[in-house]
Amino acid sequence: MDSKERTPVRISRNLNTGFKSPLLSPGTPCSSRVDQASLREDIEELKGRREELSAQIALLEAEGYNVEELDQHIEQLHEYNDIKDVGQMLLGRLATIRGVTTKDLYGEFGLELED
């Protein structure tokens, strides 16, 4: 056999069978009671978390916050970040053109490094 020839690949498994999880092999002891108990625990944890979040929301609403106002703030923060990103990009290009660092430009334009 020439070293360049390949042995034909044969697929020995049936591709039309259902998916079998490698985590649950046929010999794995897995009773439905254990699964249901685990699911019940998860559900109870999620219910507790929902109650905690509801209490936090109620506290924020009692302090005068409302969802619409918070949504507006979030939108404004996104817009601010987009504008800041464009400004950073422009400073970077200008610094490249001038052959200086962006840090040098901050002083020229009266910007703080934390901006």
PDB file of N, CA and C in Angstrom:
ATOM      1  N   MET A   1       0.850  -1.179   0.000  1.00  0.00           N
ATOM      2  CA  MET A   1       0.000   0.000   0.000  1.00  0.00           C
ATOM      3  C   MET A   1       0.890   1.235   0.000  1.00  0.00           C
ATOM      4  N   ASP A   2       0.627   2.158  -0.884  1.00  0.00           N
ATOM      5  CA  ASP A   2       1.392   3.402  -0.983  1.00  0.00           C
ATOM      6  C   ASP A   2       1.109   4.248   0.263  1.00  0.00           C
ATOM      7  N   SER A   3       2.112   4.948   0.790  1.00  0.00           N
ATOM      8  CA  SER A   3       1.935   5.730   2.016  1.00  0.00           C
ATOM      9  C   SER A   3       0.987   6.895   1.830  1.00  0.00           C
ATOM     10  N   LYS A   4       0.742   7.296   0.559  1.00  0.00           N
ATOM     11  CA  LYS A   4      -0.163   8.397   0.294  1.00  0.00           C
ATOM     12  C   LYS A   4      -1.618   7.966   0.239  1.00  0.00           C
ATOM     13  N   GLU A   5      -1.864   6.676   0.105  1.00  0.00           N
ATOM     14  CA  GLU A   5      -3.249   6.193   0.055  1.00  0.00           C
ATOM     15  C   GLU A   5      -3.827   6.157   1.451  1.00  0.00           C
ATOM     16  N   ARG A   6      -5.087   6.454   1.521  1.00  0.00           N
ATOM     17  CA  ARG A   6      -5.762   6.451   2.818  1.00  0.00           C
ATOM     18  C   ARG A   6      -6.710   5.272   2.894  1.00  0.00           C
ATOM     19  N   THR A   7      -6.873   4.796   4.080  1.00  0.00           N
ATOM     20  CA  THR A   7      -7.844   3.749   4.312  1.00  0.00           C
ATOM     21  C   THR A   7      -9.223   4.383   4.298  1.00  0.00           C
ATOM     22  N   PRO A   8     -10.180   3.807   3.581  1.00  0.00           N
ATOM     23  CA  PRO A   8     -11.518   4.410   3.563  1.00  0.00           C
ATOM     24  C   PRO A   8     -12.116   4.437   4.965  1.00  0.00           C
ATOM     25  N   VAL A   9     -12.773   5.535   5.273  1.00  0.00           N
ATOM     26  CA  VAL A   9     -13.408   5.705   6.575  1.00  0.00           C
ATOM     27  C   VAL A   9     -14.770   5.049   6.524  1.00  0.00           C
ATOM     28  N   ARG A  10     -15.047   4.218   7.515  1.00  0.00           N
ATOM     29  CA  ARG A  10     -16.360   3.586   7.579  1.00  0.00           C
ATOM     30  C   ARG A  10     -17.068   4.081   8.828  1.00  0.00           C
ATOM     31  N   ILE A  11     -18.284   4.524   8.642  1.00  0.00           N
ATOM     32  CA  ILE A  11     -19.082   4.969   9.777  1.00  0.00           C
ATOM     33  C   ILE A  11     -19.861   3.770  10.267  1.00  0.00           C
ATOM     34  N   SER A  12     -19.583   3.384  11.496  1.00  0.00           N
ATOM     35  CA  SER A  12     -20.197   2.165  12.016  1.00  0.00           C
ATOM     36  C   SER A  12     -21.433   2.429  12.864  1.00  0.00           C
ATOM     37  N   ARG A  13     -21.754   3.697  13.118  1.00  0.00           N
ATOM     38  CA  ARG A  13     -22.915   3.969  13.951  1.00  0.00           C
ATOM     39  C   ARG A  13     -24.069   4.462  13.090  1.00  0.00           C
ATOM     40  N   ASN A  14     -25.233   4.260  13.590  1.00  0.00           N
ATOM     41  CA  ASN A  14     -26.423   4.688  12.873  1.00  0.00           C
ATOM     42  C   ASN A  14     -26.651   6.168  13.156  1.00  0.00           C
ATOM     43  N   LEU A  15     -26.666   6.980  12.119  1.00  0.00           N
ATOM     44  CA  LEU A  15     -26.823   8.417  12.298  1.00  0.00           C
ATOM     45  C   LEU A  15     -28.264   8.823  12.555  1.00  0.00           C
ATOM     46  N   ASN A  16     -29.174   7.934  12.413  1.00  0.00           N
ATOM     47  CA  ASN A  16     -30.590   8.259  12.597  1.00  0.00           C
ATOM     48  C   ASN A  16     -31.098   7.958  13.999  1.00  0.00           C
ATOM     49  N   THR A  17     -30.215   7.566  14.916  1.00  0.00           N
ATOM     50  CA  THR A  17     -30.660   7.298  16.277  1.00  0.00           C
ATOM     51  C   THR A  17     -30.752   8.592  17.054  1.00  0.00           C
ATOM     52  N   GLY A  18     -31.507   8.581  18.132  1.00  0.00           N
ATOM     53  CA  GLY A  18     -31.674   9.771  18.960  1.00  0.00           C
ATOM     54  C   GLY A  18     -30.403  10.095  19.721  1.00  0.00           C
ATOM     55  N   PHE A  19     -30.319  11.317  20.215  1.00  0.00           N
ATOM     56  CA  PHE A  19     -29.162  11.763  20.982  1.00  0.00           C
ATOM     57  C   PHE A  19     -29.137  11.070  22.331  1.00  0.00           C
ATOM     58  N   LYS A  20     -27.965  10.612  22.717  1.00  0.00           N
ATOM     59  CA  LYS A  20     -27.784   9.997  24.031  1.00  0.00           C
ATOM     60  C   LYS A  20     -26.742  10.812  24.775  1.00  0.00           C
ATOM     61  N   SER A  21     -27.126  11.348  25.903  1.00  0.00           N
ATOM     62  CA  SER A  21     -26.233  12.181  26.682  1.00  0.00           C
ATOM     63  C   SER A  21     -25.073  11.359  27.224  1.00  0.00           C
ATOM     64  N   PRO A  22     -23.852  11.866  27.112  1.00  0.00           N
ATOM     65  CA  PRO A  22     -22.719  11.141  27.684  1.00  0.00           C
ATOM     66  C   PRO A  22     -22.731  11.191  29.210  1.00  0.00           C
ATOM     67  N   LEU A  23     -23.512  12.109  29.771  1.00  0.00           N
ATOM     68  CA  LEU A  23     -23.587  12.220  31.224  1.00  0.00           C
ATOM     69  C   LEU A  23     -24.486  11.163  31.838  1.00  0.00           C
ATOM     70  N   LEU A  24     -25.434  10.676  31.076  1.00  0.00           N
ATOM     71  CA  LEU A  24     -26.353   9.665  31.589  1.00  0.00           C
ATOM     72  C   LEU A  24     -26.207   8.403  30.749  1.00  0.00           C
ATOM     73  N   SER A  25     -25.248   7.593  31.096  1.00  0.00           N
ATOM     74  CA  SER A  25     -25.073   6.352  30.365  1.00  0.00           C
ATOM     75  C   SER A  25     -26.105   5.352  30.865  1.00  0.00           C
ATOM     76  N   PRO A  26     -26.389   4.300  30.069  1.00  0.00           N
ATOM     77  CA  PRO A  26     -27.428   3.338  30.467  1.00  0.00           C
ATOM     78  C   PRO A  26     -27.205   2.717  31.839  1.00  0.00           C
ATOM     79  N   GLY A  27     -25.969   2.586  32.291  1.00  0.00           N
ATOM     80  CA  GLY A  27     -25.701   1.970  33.586  1.00  0.00           C
ATOM     81  C   GLY A  27     -25.759   2.944  34.751  1.00  0.00           C
ATOM     82  N   THR A  28     -25.988   4.217  34.480  1.00  0.00           N
ATOM     83  CA  THR A  28     -26.007   5.220  35.539  1.00  0.00           C
ATOM     84  C   THR A  28     -27.296   5.111  36.335  1.00  0.00           C
ATOM     85  N   PRO A  29     -27.204   4.954  37.668  1.00  0.00           N
ATOM     86  CA  PRO A  29     -28.436   4.913  38.462  1.00  0.00           C
ATOM     87  C   PRO A  29     -29.046   6.316  38.514  1.00  0.00           C
ATOM     88  N   CYS A  30     -30.228   6.441  37.961  1.00  0.00           N
ATOM     89  CA  CYS A  30     -30.862   7.753  37.909  1.00  0.00           C
ATOM     90  C   CYS A  30     -32.361   7.547  38.073  1.00  0.00           C
ATOM     91  N   SER A  31     -32.832   7.672  39.290  1.00  0.00           N
ATOM     92  CA  SER A  31     -34.255   7.462  39.501  1.00  0.00           C
ATOM     93  C   SER A  31     -35.007   8.752  39.259  1.00  0.00           C
ATOM     94  N   SER A  32     -36.230   8.642  38.848  1.00  0.00           N
ATOM     95  CA  SER A  32     -37.034   9.840  38.592  1.00  0.00           C
ATOM     96  C   SER A  32     -37.331  10.562  39.902  1.00  0.00           C
ATOM     97  N   ARG A  33     -37.325   9.826  41.034  1.00  0.00           N
ATOM     98  CA  ARG A  33     -37.555  10.484  42.319  1.00  0.00           C
ATOM     99  C   ARG A  33     -36.430  11.455  42.646  1.00  0.00           C
ATOM    100  N   VAL A  34     -35.191  11.051  42.363  1.00  0.00           N
ATOM    101  CA  VAL A  34     -34.052  11.923  42.623  1.00  0.00           C
ATOM    102  C   VAL A  34     -34.140  13.142  41.731  1.00  0.00           C
ATOM    103  N   ASP A  35     -34.463  12.924  40.454  1.00  0.00           N
ATOM    104  CA  ASP A  35     -34.585  14.047  39.521  1.00  0.00           C
ATOM    105  C   ASP A  35     -35.703  14.990  39.958  1.00  0.00           C
ATOM    106  N   GLN A  36     -36.827  14.430  40.365  1.00  0.00           N
ATOM    107  CA  GLN A  36     -37.948  15.275  40.786  1.00  0.00           C
ATOM    108  C   GLN A  36     -37.618  16.019  42.072  1.00  0.00           C
ATOM    109  N   ALA A  37     -36.922  15.372  42.983  1.00  0.00           N
ATOM    110  CA  ALA A  37     -36.530  16.037  44.222  1.00  0.00           C
ATOM    111  C   ALA A  37     -35.567  17.183  43.917  1.00  0.00           C
ATOM    112  N   SER A  38     -34.636  16.940  43.018  1.00  0.00           N
ATOM    113  CA  SER A  38     -33.693  17.981  42.630  1.00  0.00           C
ATOM    114  C   SER A  38     -34.412  19.136  41.946  1.00  0.00           C
ATOM    115  N   LEU A  39     -35.358  18.816  41.089  1.00  0.00           N
ATOM    116  CA  LEU A  39     -36.139  19.859  40.419  1.00  0.00           C
ATOM    117  C   LEU A  39     -36.954  20.665  41.420  1.00  0.00           C
ATOM    118  N   ARG A  40     -37.539  19.979  42.398  1.00  0.00           N
ATOM    119  CA  ARG A  40     -38.321  20.690  43.418  1.00  0.00           C
ATOM    120  C   ARG A  40     -37.431  21.650  44.211  1.00  0.00           C
ATOM    121  N   GLU A  41     -36.220  21.202  44.545  1.00  0.00           N
ATOM    122  CA  GLU A  41     -35.282  22.072  45.261  1.00  0.00           C
ATOM    123  C   GLU A  41     -34.943  23.296  44.421  1.00  0.00           C
ATOM    124  N   ASP A  42     -34.691  23.067  43.132  1.00  0.00           N
ATOM    125  CA  ASP A  42     -34.372  24.183  42.230  1.00  0.00           C
ATOM    126  C   ASP A  42     -35.536  25.158  42.144  1.00  0.00           C
ATOM    127  N   ILE A  43     -36.732  24.621  42.060  1.00  0.00           N
ATOM    128  CA  ILE A  43     -37.926  25.470  41.974  1.00  0.00           C
ATOM    129  C   ILE A  43     -38.075  26.294  43.244  1.00  0.00           C
ATOM    130  N   GLU A  44     -37.863  25.677  44.399  1.00  0.00           N
ATOM    131  CA  GLU A  44     -37.976  26.401  45.663  1.00  0.00           C
ATOM    132  C   GLU A  44     -36.910  27.491  45.776  1.00  0.00           C
ATOM    133  N   GLU A  45     -35.686  27.186  45.314  1.00  0.00           N
ATOM    134  CA  GLU A  45     -34.632  28.200  45.327  1.00  0.00           C
ATOM    135  C   GLU A  45     -35.010  29.376  44.427  1.00  0.00           C
ATOM    136  N   LEU A  46     -35.546  29.076  43.250  1.00  0.00           N
ATOM    137  CA  LEU A  46     -35.953  30.135  42.325  1.00  0.00           C
ATOM    138  C   LEU A  46     -37.106  30.966  42.891  1.00  0.00           C
ATOM    139  N   LYS A  47     -38.045  30.300  43.566  1.00  0.00           N
ATOM    140  CA  LYS A  47     -39.148  31.041  44.198  1.00  0.00           C
ATOM    141  C   LYS A  47     -38.612  31.972  45.279  1.00  0.00           C
ATOM    142  N   GLY A  48     -37.661  31.479  46.060  1.00  0.00           N
ATOM    143  CA  GLY A  48     -37.045  32.317  47.098  1.00  0.00           C
ATOM    144  C   GLY A  48     -36.318  33.499  46.486  1.00  0.00           C
ATOM    145  N   ARG A  49     -35.600  33.260  45.402  1.00  0.00           N
ATOM    146  CA  ARG A  49     -34.883  34.347  44.723  1.00  0.00           C
ATOM    147  C   ARG A  49     -35.869  35.373  44.164  1.00  0.00           C
ATOM    148  N   ARG A  50     -36.999  34.877  43.613  1.00  0.00           N
ATOM    149  CA  ARG A  50     -38.023  35.787  43.083  1.00  0.00           C
ATOM    150  C   ARG A  50     -38.589  36.650  44.202  1.00  0.00           C
ATOM    151  N   GLU A  51     -38.821  36.066  45.379  1.00  0.00           N
ATOM    152  CA  GLU A  51     -39.341  36.822  46.518  1.00  0.00           C
ATOM    153  C   GLU A  51     -38.338  37.888  46.966  1.00  0.00           C
ATOM    154  N   GLU A  52     -37.033  37.518  46.980  1.00  0.00           N
ATOM    155  CA  GLU A  52     -35.991  38.487  47.342  1.00  0.00           C
ATOM    156  C   GLU A  52     -35.982  39.658  46.367  1.00  0.00           C
ATOM    157  N   LEU A  53     -36.043  39.350  45.074  1.00  0.00           N
ATOM    158  CA  LEU A  53     -36.024  40.405  44.064  1.00  0.00           C
ATOM    159  C   LEU A  53     -37.276  41.271  44.145  1.00  0.00           C
ATOM    160  N   SER A  54     -38.413  40.653  44.401  1.00  0.00           N
ATOM    161  CA  SER A  54     -39.651  41.421  44.553  1.00  0.00           C
ATOM    162  C   SER A  54     -39.552  42.371  45.746  1.00  0.00           C
ATOM    163  N   ALA A  55     -38.962  41.907  46.829  1.00  0.00           N
ATOM    164  CA  ALA A  55     -38.780  42.761  48.008  1.00  0.00           C
ATOM    165  C   ALA A  55     -37.828  43.915  47.692  1.00  0.00           C
ATOM    166  N   GLN A  56     -36.761  43.647  46.949  1.00  0.00           N
ATOM    167  CA  GLN A  56     -35.834  44.706  46.570  1.00  0.00           C
ATOM    168  C   GLN A  56     -36.513  45.728  45.664  1.00  0.00           C
ATOM    169  N   ILE A  57     -37.329  45.265  44.729  1.00  0.00           N
ATOM    170  CA  ILE A  57     -38.059  46.166  43.836  1.00  0.00           C
ATOM    171  C   ILE A  57     -39.024  47.031  44.641  1.00  0.00           C
ATOM    172  N   ALA A  58     -39.740  46.405  45.562  1.00  0.00           N
ATOM    173  CA  ALA A  58     -40.677  47.154  46.399  1.00  0.00           C
ATOM    174  C   ALA A  58     -39.947  48.219  47.215  1.00  0.00           C
ATOM    175  N   LEU A  59     -38.766  47.880  47.731  1.00  0.00           N
ATOM    176  CA  LEU A  59     -37.979  48.837  48.504  1.00  0.00           C
ATOM    177  C   LEU A  59     -37.550  50.011  47.627  1.00  0.00           C
ATOM    178  N   LEU A  60     -37.095  49.732  46.417  1.00  0.00           N
ATOM    179  CA  LEU A  60     -36.693  50.796  45.502  1.00  0.00           C
ATOM    180  C   LEU A  60     -37.883  51.678  45.121  1.00  0.00           C
ATOM    181  N   GLU A  61     -39.035  51.059  44.891  1.00  0.00           N
ATOM    182  CA  GLU A  61     -40.229  51.835  44.569  1.00  0.00           C
ATOM    183  C   GLU A  61     -40.652  52.704  45.743  1.00  0.00           C
ATOM    184  N   ALA A  62     -40.480  52.178  46.969  1.00  0.00           N
ATOM    185  CA  ALA A  62     -40.809  52.956  48.158  1.00  0.00           C
ATOM    186  C   ALA A  62     -39.871  54.149  48.312  1.00  0.00           C
ATOM    187  N   GLU A  63     -38.656  54.028  47.809  1.00  0.00           N
ATOM    188  CA  GLU A  63     -37.690  55.127  47.857  1.00  0.00           C
ATOM    189  C   GLU A  63     -37.922  56.134  46.732  1.00  0.00           C
ATOM    190  N   GLY A  64     -38.911  55.869  45.879  1.00  0.00           N
ATOM    191  CA  GLY A  64     -39.251  56.822  44.830  1.00  0.00           C
ATOM    192  C   GLY A  64     -38.766  56.473  43.440  1.00  0.00           C
ATOM    193  N   TYR A  65     -38.137  55.334  43.279  1.00  0.00           N
ATOM    194  CA  TYR A  65     -37.682  54.922  41.953  1.00  0.00           C
ATOM    195  C   TYR A  65     -38.836  54.276  41.199  1.00  0.00           C
ATOM    196  N   ASN A  66     -38.819  54.420  39.864  1.00  0.00           N
ATOM    197  CA  ASN A  66     -39.795  53.670  39.067  1.00  0.00           C
ATOM    198  C   ASN A  66     -39.100  53.072  37.853  1.00  0.00           C
ATOM    199  N   VAL A  67     -39.699  52.042  37.303  1.00  0.00           N
ATOM    200  CA  VAL A  67     -39.082  51.268  36.229  1.00  0.00           C
ATOM    201  C   VAL A  67     -38.851  52.120  34.990  1.00  0.00           C
ATOM    202  N   GLU A  68     -39.818  52.958  34.630  1.00  0.00           N
ATOM    203  CA  GLU A  68     -39.684  53.782  33.427  1.00  0.00           C
ATOM    204  C   GLU A  68     -38.487  54.721  33.539  1.00  0.00           C
ATOM    205  N   GLU A  69     -38.320  55.310  34.727  1.00  0.00           N
ATOM    206  CA  GLU A  69     -37.203  56.220  34.945  1.00  0.00           C
ATOM    207  C   GLU A  69     -35.878  55.478  34.841  1.00  0.00           C
ATOM    208  N   LEU A  70     -35.818  54.289  35.418  1.00  0.00           N
ATOM    209  CA  LEU A  70     -34.595  53.501  35.346  1.00  0.00           C
ATOM    210  C   LEU A  70     -34.288  53.108  33.904  1.00  0.00           C
ATOM    211  N   ASP A  71     -35.322  52.763  33.131  1.00  0.00           N
ATOM    212  CA  ASP A  71     -35.122  52.435  31.716  1.00  0.00           C
ATOM    213  C   ASP A  71     -34.552  53.630  30.955  1.00  0.00           C
ATOM    214  N   GLN A  72     -35.043  54.827  31.270  1.00  0.00           N
ATOM    215  CA  GLN A  72     -34.524  56.037  30.629  1.00  0.00           C
ATOM    216  C   GLN A  72     -33.047  56.241  30.968  1.00  0.00           C
ATOM    217  N   HIS A  73     -32.692  56.026  32.222  1.00  0.00           N
ATOM    218  CA  HIS A  73     -31.300  56.181  32.634  1.00  0.00           C
ATOM    219  C   HIS A  73     -30.404  55.170  31.909  1.00  0.00           C
ATOM    220  N   ILE A  74     -30.893  53.967  31.782  1.00  0.00           N
ATOM    221  CA  ILE A  74     -30.118  52.929  31.092  1.00  0.00           C
ATOM    222  C   ILE A  74     -29.911  53.309  29.632  1.00  0.00           C
ATOM    223  N   GLU A  75     -30.967  53.787  28.970  1.00  0.00           N
ATOM    224  CA  GLU A  75     -30.843  54.227  27.578  1.00  0.00           C
ATOM    225  C   GLU A  75     -29.852  55.368  27.454  1.00  0.00           C
ATOM    226  N   GLN A  76     -29.909  56.322  28.381  1.00  0.00           N
ATOM    227  CA  GLN A  76     -28.987  57.453  28.340  1.00  0.00           C
ATOM    228  C   GLN A  76     -27.541  56.997  28.565  1.00  0.00           C
ATOM    229  N   LEU A  77     -27.348  56.015  29.443  1.00  0.00           N
ATOM    230  CA  LEU A  77     -26.002  55.488  29.661  1.00  0.00           C
ATOM    231  C   LEU A  77     -25.463  54.804  28.404  1.00  0.00           C
ATOM    232  N   HIS A  78     -26.331  54.074  27.702  1.00  0.00           N
ATOM    233  CA  HIS A  78     -25.914  53.436  26.450  1.00  0.00           C
ATOM    234  C   HIS A  78     -25.508  54.496  25.423  1.00  0.00           C
ATOM    235  N   GLU A  79     -26.309  55.541  25.316  1.00  0.00           N
ATOM    236  CA  GLU A  79     -26.004  56.615  24.372  1.00  0.00           C
ATOM    237  C   GLU A  79     -24.689  57.299  24.749  1.00  0.00           C
ATOM    238  N   TYR A  80     -24.511  57.570  26.029  1.00  0.00           N
ATOM    239  CA  TYR A  80     -23.267  58.188  26.514  1.00  0.00           C
ATOM    240  C   TYR A  80     -22.072  57.310  26.152  1.00  0.00           C
ATOM    241  N   ASN A  81     -22.181  56.011  26.397  1.00  0.00           N
ATOM    242  CA  ASN A  81     -21.071  55.099  26.101  1.00  0.00           C
ATOM    243  C   ASN A  81     -20.759  55.057  24.611  1.00  0.00           C
ATOM    244  N   ASP A  82     -21.803  55.075  23.768  1.00  0.00           N
ATOM    245  CA  ASP A  82     -21.594  55.091  22.319  1.00  0.00           C
ATOM    246  C   ASP A  82     -20.856  56.357  21.893  1.00  0.00           C
ATOM    247  N   ILE A  83     -21.277  57.506  22.423  1.00  0.00           N
ATOM    248  CA  ILE A  83     -20.631  58.781  22.090  1.00  0.00           C
ATOM    249  C   ILE A  83     -19.187  58.786  22.580  1.00  0.00           C
ATOM    250  N   LYS A  84     -18.973  58.272  23.792  1.00  0.00           N
ATOM    251  CA  LYS A  84     -17.620  58.223  24.348  1.00  0.00           C
ATOM    252  C   LYS A  84     -16.719  57.326  23.490  1.00  0.00           C
ATOM    253  N   ASP A  85     -17.256  56.192  23.021  1.00  0.00           N
ATOM    254  CA  ASP A  85     -16.482  55.291  22.164  1.00  0.00           C
ATOM    255  C   ASP A  85     -16.060  55.990  20.871  1.00  0.00           C
ATOM    256  N   VAL A  86     -16.978  56.751  20.269  1.00  0.00           N
ATOM    257  CA  VAL A  86     -16.654  57.492  19.048  1.00  0.00           C
ATOM    258  C   VAL A  86     -15.570  58.528  19.341  1.00  0.00           C
ATOM    259  N   GLY A  87     -15.701  59.241  20.455  1.00  0.00           N
ATOM    260  CA  GLY A  87     -14.687  60.221  20.850  1.00  0.00           C
ATOM    261  C   GLY A  87     -13.320  59.572  21.038  1.00  0.00           C
ATOM    262  N   GLN A  88     -13.290  58.416  21.679  1.00  0.00           N
ATOM    263  CA  GLN A  88     -12.030  57.695  21.885  1.00  0.00           C
ATOM    264  C   GLN A  88     -11.416  57.293  20.544  1.00  0.00           C
ATOM    265  N   MET A  89     -12.266  56.844  19.637  1.00  0.00           N
ATOM    266  CA  MET A  89     -11.787  56.442  18.318  1.00  0.00           C
ATOM    267  C   MET A  89     -11.186  57.641  17.577  1.00  0.00           C
ATOM    268  N   LEU A  90     -11.874  58.788  17.644  1.00  0.00           N
ATOM    269  CA  LEU A  90     -11.370  59.989  16.980  1.00  0.00           C
ATOM    270  C   LEU A  90     -10.053  60.452  17.592  1.00  0.00           C
ATOM    271  N   LEU A  91      -9.966  60.424  18.920  1.00  0.00           N
ATOM    272  CA  LEU A  91      -8.703  60.783  19.573  1.00  0.00           C
ATOM    273  C   LEU A  91      -7.577  59.844  19.146  1.00  0.00           C
ATOM    274  N   GLY A  92      -7.889  58.578  19.046  1.00  0.00           N
ATOM    275  CA  GLY A  92      -6.880  57.599  18.621  1.00  0.00           C
ATOM    276  C   GLY A  92      -6.398  57.871  17.203  1.00  0.00           C
ATOM    277  N   ARG A  93      -7.320  58.178  16.295  1.00  0.00           N
ATOM    278  CA  ARG A  93      -6.930  58.481  14.912  1.00  0.00           C
ATOM    279  C   ARG A  93      -6.113  59.770  14.837  1.00  0.00           C
ATOM    280  N   LEU A  94      -6.549  60.784  15.562  1.00  0.00           N
ATOM    281  CA  LEU A  94      -5.821  62.049  15.567  1.00  0.00           C
ATOM    282  C   LEU A  94      -4.415  61.869  16.132  1.00  0.00           C
ATOM    283  N   ALA A  95      -4.319  61.058  17.184  1.00  0.00           N
ATOM    284  CA  ALA A  95      -3.002  60.786  17.772  1.00  0.00           C
ATOM    285  C   ALA A  95      -2.109  60.066  16.763  1.00  0.00           C
ATOM    286  N   THR A  96      -2.659  59.149  16.011  1.00  0.00           N
ATOM    287  CA  THR A  96      -1.883  58.431  14.988  1.00  0.00           C
ATOM    288  C   THR A  96      -1.406  59.396  13.911  1.00  0.00           C
ATOM    289  N   ILE A  97      -2.307  60.263  13.464  1.00  0.00           N
ATOM    290  CA  ILE A  97      -1.949  61.234  12.422  1.00  0.00           C
ATOM    291  C   ILE A  97      -0.830  62.161  12.899  1.00  0.00           C
ATOM    292  N   ARG A  98      -0.943  62.618  14.134  1.00  0.00           N
ATOM    293  CA  ARG A  98       0.060  63.555  14.675  1.00  0.00           C
ATOM    294  C   ARG A  98       1.318  62.851  15.180  1.00  0.00           C
ATOM    295  N   GLY A  99       1.246  61.539  15.335  1.00  0.00           N
ATOM    296  CA  GLY A  99       2.404  60.793  15.835  1.00  0.00           C
ATOM    297  C   GLY A  99       2.632  60.974  17.316  1.00  0.00           C
ATOM    298  N   VAL A 100       1.551  61.147  18.062  1.00  0.00           N
ATOM    299  CA  VAL A 100       1.640  61.298  19.517  1.00  0.00           C
ATOM    300  C   VAL A 100       0.748  60.239  20.165  1.00  0.00           C
ATOM    301  N   THR A 101       0.748  60.239  21.482  1.00  0.00           N
ATOM    302  CA  THR A 101      -0.133  59.307  22.191  1.00  0.00           C
ATOM    303  C   THR A 101      -1.473  59.992  22.471  1.00  0.00           C
ATOM    304  N   THR A 102      -2.483  59.183  22.714  1.00  0.00           N
ATOM    305  CA  THR A 102      -3.781  59.766  23.075  1.00  0.00           C
ATOM    306  C   THR A 102      -3.675  60.509  24.399  1.00  0.00           C
ATOM    307  N   LYS A 103      -2.788  60.064  25.264  1.00  0.00           N
ATOM    308  CA  LYS A 103      -2.578  60.738  26.557  1.00  0.00           C
ATOM    309  C   LYS A 103      -2.125  62.174  26.335  1.00  0.00           C
ATOM    310  N   ASP A 104      -1.282  62.386  25.321  1.00  0.00           N
ATOM    311  CA  ASP A 104      -0.832  63.748  24.999  1.00  0.00           C
ATOM    312  C   ASP A 104      -2.009  64.618  24.578  1.00  0.00           C
ATOM    313  N   LEU A 105      -2.947  64.038  23.842  1.00  0.00           N
ATOM    314  CA  LEU A 105      -4.095  64.805  23.354  1.00  0.00           C
ATOM    315  C   LEU A 105      -5.056  65.177  24.484  1.00  0.00           C
ATOM    316  N   TYR A 106      -5.107  64.369  25.513  1.00  0.00           N
ATOM    317  CA  TYR A 106      -6.012  64.670  26.627  1.00  0.00           C
ATOM    318  C   TYR A 106      -5.677  66.035  27.212  1.00  0.00           C
ATOM    319  N   GLY A 107      -4.404  66.295  27.420  1.00  0.00           N
ATOM    320  CA  GLY A 107      -3.992  67.588  27.965  1.00  0.00           C
ATOM    321  C   GLY A 107      -4.302  68.720  27.020  1.00  0.00           C
ATOM    322  N   GLU A 108      -4.082  68.487  25.722  1.00  0.00           N
ATOM    323  CA  GLU A 108      -4.337  69.531  24.719  1.00  0.00           C
ATOM    324  C   GLU A 108      -5.813  69.928  24.684  1.00  0.00           C
ATOM    325  N   PHE A 109      -6.707  68.959  24.857  1.00  0.00           N
ATOM    326  CA  PHE A 109      -8.134  69.238  24.775  1.00  0.00           C
ATOM    327  C   PHE A 109      -8.790  69.436  26.151  1.00  0.00           C
ATOM    328  N   GLY A 110      -7.974  69.484  27.201  1.00  0.00           N
ATOM    329  CA  GLY A 110      -8.499  69.727  28.536  1.00  0.00           C
ATOM    330  C   GLY A 110      -9.320  68.572  29.094  1.00  0.00           C
ATOM    331  N   LEU A 111      -8.951  67.359  28.739  1.00  0.00           N
ATOM    332  CA  LEU A 111      -9.668  66.181  29.213  1.00  0.00           C
ATOM    333  C   LEU A 111      -8.910  65.527  30.362  1.00  0.00           C
ATOM    334  N   GLU A 112      -9.647  64.917  31.260  1.00  0.00           N
ATOM    335  CA  GLU A 112      -9.050  64.163  32.353  1.00  0.00           C
ATOM    336  C   GLU A 112      -8.844  62.724  31.880  1.00  0.00           C
ATOM    337  N   LEU A 113      -7.812  62.061  32.376  1.00  0.00           N
ATOM    338  CA  LEU A 113      -7.571  60.662  31.982  1.00  0.00           C
ATOM    339  C   LEU A 113      -8.714  59.742  32.389  1.00  0.00           C
ATOM    340  N   GLU A 114      -9.469  60.121  33.410  1.00  0.00           N
ATOM    341  CA  GLU A 114     -10.593  59.313  33.858  1.00  0.00           C
ATOM    342  C   GLU A 114     -11.834  59.504  32.991  1.00  0.00           C
ATOM    343  N   ASP A 115     -11.817  60.497  32.093  1.00  0.00           N
ATOM    344  CA  ASP A 115     -12.979  60.772  31.232  1.00  0.00           C
ATOM    345  C   ASP A 115     -13.225  59.654  30.256  1.00  0.00           C
TER     346      ASP A 115
END
